[in-house]
Amino acid sequence: MIEDQKHKSKLISSGLLEYYFHIGGNNIHLDIKFVDNKLIFNCSGEVPKEPDDLEHINELINLPRYDDVELYYAELLDLSDGDSS
């Protein structure tokens, strides 16, 4: 289970850094915590102007997560622990 979380954290952190670089970010800080079987990210940095898609990004980040969808994507990314229940 923790290996899945580590792999997910690598994918998410890579995506966050790519987004910051895409919008011209600088002085980027990324903190990752594993707390109570949860993955917590805190990412901040300096950008030349507020991104036009910031509200949309916030909406996407805060969408509810569904176990069946998580399992589907985990299997696509080969993150499944083999338990299909």
N, C-alpha and C. Protein backbone atom coordinates (compact mmCIF):
# COMPACT_ATOMS: atom_id res chain seq x y z
N MET A 1 0.83 -1.20 0.00
CA MET A 1 0.00 0.00 0.00
C MET A 1 0.87 1.26 0.00
N ILE A 2 1.88 1.31 0.85
CA ILE A 2 2.72 2.50 0.92
C ILE A 2 3.49 2.69 -0.39
N GLU A 3 3.84 1.60 -1.05
CA GLU A 3 4.52 1.72 -2.34
C GLU A 3 3.61 2.37 -3.37
N ASP A 4 2.30 2.03 -3.33
CA ASP A 4 1.33 2.68 -4.22
C ASP A 4 1.29 4.18 -3.95
N GLN A 5 1.27 4.55 -2.66
CA GLN A 5 1.23 5.96 -2.29
C GLN A 5 2.49 6.68 -2.76
N LYS A 6 3.63 6.03 -2.64
CA LYS A 6 4.88 6.64 -3.09
C LYS A 6 4.86 6.85 -4.60
N HIS A 7 4.36 5.86 -5.33
CA HIS A 7 4.30 5.98 -6.78
C HIS A 7 3.33 7.09 -7.18
N LYS A 8 2.17 7.14 -6.52
CA LYS A 8 1.20 8.21 -6.81
C LYS A 8 1.81 9.57 -6.51
N SER A 9 2.57 9.67 -5.40
CA SER A 9 3.17 10.95 -5.05
C SER A 9 4.17 11.40 -6.10
N LYS A 10 4.90 10.46 -6.69
CA LYS A 10 5.84 10.81 -7.77
C LYS A 10 5.09 11.36 -8.98
N LEU A 11 3.99 10.71 -9.35
CA LEU A 11 3.21 11.15 -10.51
C LEU A 11 2.58 12.53 -10.26
N ILE A 12 2.01 12.71 -9.08
CA ILE A 12 1.35 13.97 -8.76
C ILE A 12 2.37 15.10 -8.66
N SER A 13 3.49 14.85 -7.97
CA SER A 13 4.50 15.91 -7.82
C SER A 13 5.08 16.29 -9.18
N SER A 14 5.27 15.32 -10.05
CA SER A 14 5.76 15.61 -11.39
C SER A 14 4.76 16.50 -12.14
N GLY A 15 3.48 16.19 -12.02
CA GLY A 15 2.44 16.99 -12.65
C GLY A 15 2.38 18.41 -12.10
N LEU A 16 2.51 18.54 -10.78
CA LEU A 16 2.50 19.87 -10.17
C LEU A 16 3.68 20.71 -10.63
N LEU A 17 4.86 20.11 -10.64
CA LEU A 17 6.05 20.84 -11.09
C LEU A 17 5.93 21.23 -12.56
N GLU A 18 5.43 20.32 -13.37
CA GLU A 18 5.25 20.62 -14.79
C GLU A 18 4.29 21.80 -14.98
N TYR A 19 3.22 21.83 -14.19
CA TYR A 19 2.26 22.93 -14.28
C TYR A 19 2.93 24.26 -13.89
N TYR A 20 3.66 24.26 -12.77
CA TYR A 20 4.34 25.49 -12.35
C TYR A 20 5.32 25.97 -13.41
N PHE A 21 6.09 25.07 -13.99
CA PHE A 21 7.03 25.47 -15.04
C PHE A 21 6.28 26.00 -16.26
N HIS A 22 5.15 25.38 -16.59
CA HIS A 22 4.34 25.79 -17.74
C HIS A 22 3.84 27.24 -17.59
N ILE A 23 3.49 27.63 -16.36
CA ILE A 23 2.98 28.98 -16.14
C ILE A 23 4.08 29.97 -15.75
N GLY A 24 5.33 29.56 -15.90
CA GLY A 24 6.46 30.46 -15.63
C GLY A 24 6.84 30.54 -14.17
N GLY A 25 6.53 29.51 -13.41
CA GLY A 25 6.80 29.51 -11.99
C GLY A 25 8.29 29.52 -11.66
N ASN A 26 8.59 30.06 -10.48
CA ASN A 26 9.95 30.15 -9.98
C ASN A 26 9.91 29.99 -8.46
N ASN A 27 11.03 29.65 -7.86
CA ASN A 27 11.12 29.50 -6.41
C ASN A 27 10.01 28.57 -5.90
N ILE A 28 9.93 27.40 -6.47
CA ILE A 28 8.85 26.44 -6.21
C ILE A 28 9.19 25.59 -4.99
N HIS A 29 8.21 25.43 -4.12
CA HIS A 29 8.34 24.59 -2.93
C HIS A 29 7.27 23.51 -2.98
N LEU A 30 7.67 22.28 -2.72
CA LEU A 30 6.72 21.16 -2.75
C LEU A 30 6.95 20.31 -1.51
N ASP A 31 5.91 20.21 -0.68
CA ASP A 31 5.95 19.36 0.52
C ASP A 31 4.98 18.21 0.32
N ILE A 32 5.42 17.02 0.67
CA ILE A 32 4.59 15.83 0.56
C ILE A 32 4.56 15.15 1.92
N LYS A 33 3.36 14.85 2.40
CA LYS A 33 3.21 14.17 3.69
C LYS A 33 2.30 12.96 3.51
N PHE A 34 2.63 11.90 4.23
CA PHE A 34 1.77 10.72 4.34
C PHE A 34 1.19 10.75 5.75
N VAL A 35 -0.12 11.03 5.87
CA VAL A 35 -0.76 11.15 7.18
C VAL A 35 -2.04 10.32 7.18
N ASP A 36 -2.17 9.41 8.13
CA ASP A 36 -3.38 8.60 8.27
C ASP A 36 -3.83 8.00 6.95
N ASN A 37 -2.90 7.36 6.26
CA ASN A 37 -3.18 6.72 4.98
C ASN A 37 -3.67 7.70 3.91
N LYS A 38 -3.30 8.97 4.07
CA LYS A 38 -3.64 10.00 3.09
C LYS A 38 -2.36 10.62 2.57
N LEU A 39 -2.43 11.11 1.37
CA LEU A 39 -1.33 11.78 0.72
C LEU A 39 -1.65 13.26 0.69
N ILE A 40 -0.82 14.10 1.32
CA ILE A 40 -1.08 15.53 1.41
C ILE A 40 0.05 16.29 0.71
N PHE A 41 -0.33 17.16 -0.23
CA PHE A 41 0.62 17.98 -0.97
C PHE A 41 0.41 19.44 -0.63
N ASN A 42 1.51 20.17 -0.50
CA ASN A 42 1.47 21.61 -0.38
C ASN A 42 2.50 22.14 -1.36
N CYS A 43 2.02 22.81 -2.40
CA CYS A 43 2.90 23.31 -3.45
C CYS A 43 2.71 24.82 -3.56
N SER A 44 3.81 25.55 -3.56
CA SER A 44 3.74 27.00 -3.71
C SER A 44 4.92 27.49 -4.53
N GLY A 45 4.78 28.68 -5.05
CA GLY A 45 5.86 29.26 -5.84
C GLY A 45 5.48 30.64 -6.31
N GLU A 46 6.41 31.28 -6.98
CA GLU A 46 6.18 32.61 -7.53
C GLU A 46 5.85 32.47 -9.01
N VAL A 47 4.81 33.19 -9.44
CA VAL A 47 4.43 33.19 -10.86
C VAL A 47 4.29 34.64 -11.32
N PRO A 48 4.57 34.91 -12.61
CA PRO A 48 4.51 36.28 -13.10
C PRO A 48 3.11 36.90 -13.04
N LYS A 49 2.07 36.07 -13.20
CA LYS A 49 0.68 36.54 -13.09
C LYS A 49 -0.19 35.35 -12.72
N GLU A 50 -1.37 35.64 -12.17
CA GLU A 50 -2.29 34.56 -11.81
C GLU A 50 -2.72 33.84 -13.07
N PRO A 51 -2.60 32.51 -13.08
CA PRO A 51 -2.99 31.74 -14.28
C PRO A 51 -4.49 31.89 -14.57
N ASP A 52 -4.82 31.94 -15.86
CA ASP A 52 -6.21 32.06 -16.28
C ASP A 52 -7.04 30.84 -15.88
N ASP A 53 -6.41 29.69 -15.76
CA ASP A 53 -7.13 28.45 -15.47
C ASP A 53 -7.08 28.05 -13.99
N LEU A 54 -6.69 28.97 -13.11
CA LEU A 54 -6.51 28.63 -11.70
C LEU A 54 -7.80 28.10 -11.06
N GLU A 55 -8.91 28.74 -11.32
CA GLU A 55 -10.18 28.28 -10.74
C GLU A 55 -10.53 26.88 -11.24
N HIS A 56 -10.31 26.62 -12.52
CA HIS A 56 -10.58 25.30 -13.08
C HIS A 56 -9.67 24.24 -12.45
N ILE A 57 -8.41 24.57 -12.26
CA ILE A 57 -7.46 23.65 -11.62
C ILE A 57 -7.93 23.34 -10.20
N ASN A 58 -8.34 24.37 -9.44
CA ASN A 58 -8.85 24.16 -8.08
C ASN A 58 -10.07 23.24 -8.07
N GLU A 59 -10.96 23.42 -9.03
CA GLU A 59 -12.14 22.55 -9.11
C GLU A 59 -11.74 21.10 -9.37
N LEU A 60 -10.81 20.90 -10.29
CA LEU A 60 -10.36 19.54 -10.60
C LEU A 60 -9.69 18.88 -9.41
N ILE A 61 -8.87 19.63 -8.71
CA ILE A 61 -8.15 19.08 -7.55
C ILE A 61 -9.12 18.67 -6.46
N ASN A 62 -10.21 19.40 -6.31
CA ASN A 62 -11.14 19.16 -5.20
C ASN A 62 -12.34 18.30 -5.56
N LEU A 63 -12.33 17.67 -6.73
CA LEU A 63 -13.41 16.75 -7.07
C LEU A 63 -13.40 15.56 -6.11
N PRO A 64 -14.58 15.02 -5.77
CA PRO A 64 -14.61 13.83 -4.92
C PRO A 64 -13.92 12.66 -5.63
N ARG A 65 -13.30 11.82 -4.83
CA ARG A 65 -12.62 10.65 -5.39
C ARG A 65 -13.51 9.43 -5.17
N TYR A 66 -13.56 8.57 -6.18
CA TYR A 66 -14.38 7.37 -6.12
C TYR A 66 -13.48 6.14 -6.20
N ASP A 67 -13.71 5.20 -5.28
CA ASP A 67 -12.86 4.01 -5.19
C ASP A 67 -12.79 3.23 -6.50
N ASP A 68 -13.94 3.06 -7.18
CA ASP A 68 -13.92 2.26 -8.41
C ASP A 68 -13.11 2.95 -9.51
N VAL A 69 -13.17 4.27 -9.57
CA VAL A 69 -12.38 5.01 -10.55
C VAL A 69 -10.90 4.96 -10.18
N GLU A 70 -10.61 5.09 -8.87
CA GLU A 70 -9.23 5.00 -8.40
C GLU A 70 -8.63 3.64 -8.78
N LEU A 71 -9.41 2.58 -8.57
CA LEU A 71 -8.93 1.23 -8.91
C LEU A 71 -8.68 1.11 -10.41
N TYR A 72 -9.58 1.65 -11.21
CA TYR A 72 -9.43 1.61 -12.67
C TYR A 72 -8.12 2.27 -13.09
N TYR A 73 -7.87 3.48 -12.60
CA TYR A 73 -6.64 4.17 -12.99
C TYR A 73 -5.41 3.52 -12.39
N ALA A 74 -5.53 2.97 -11.19
CA ALA A 74 -4.41 2.25 -10.60
C ALA A 74 -4.02 1.06 -11.46
N GLU A 75 -5.03 0.36 -11.98
CA GLU A 75 -4.74 -0.77 -12.86
C GLU A 75 -4.12 -0.31 -14.18
N LEU A 76 -4.60 0.81 -14.71
CA LEU A 76 -4.01 1.35 -15.94
C LEU A 76 -2.54 1.72 -15.73
N LEU A 77 -2.25 2.26 -14.54
CA LEU A 77 -0.88 2.67 -14.23
C LEU A 77 -0.08 1.57 -13.57
N ASP A 78 -0.68 0.37 -13.48
CA ASP A 78 -0.04 -0.78 -12.84
C ASP A 78 0.31 -0.49 -11.39
N LEU A 79 -0.63 0.16 -10.66
CA LEU A 79 -0.43 0.45 -9.24
C LEU A 79 -1.24 -0.49 -8.36
N SER A 80 -2.03 -1.36 -8.97
CA SER A 80 -2.91 -2.23 -8.21
C SER A 80 -2.12 -3.17 -7.32
N ASP A 81 -2.67 -3.42 -6.11
CA ASP A 81 -2.01 -4.34 -5.19
C ASP A 81 -2.44 -5.78 -5.44
N GLY A 82 -3.22 -5.98 -6.50
CA GLY A 82 -3.65 -7.33 -6.86
C GLY A 82 -4.97 -7.73 -6.23
N ASP A 83 -5.49 -6.92 -5.31
CA ASP A 83 -6.76 -7.21 -4.65
C ASP A 83 -7.88 -6.62 -5.50
N SER A 84 -8.68 -7.47 -6.12
CA SER A 84 -9.74 -6.99 -7.01
C SER A 84 -11.08 -6.83 -6.31
N SER A 85 -11.11 -6.95 -4.98
CA SER A 85 -12.38 -6.82 -4.26
C SER A 85 -12.78 -5.38 -4.07
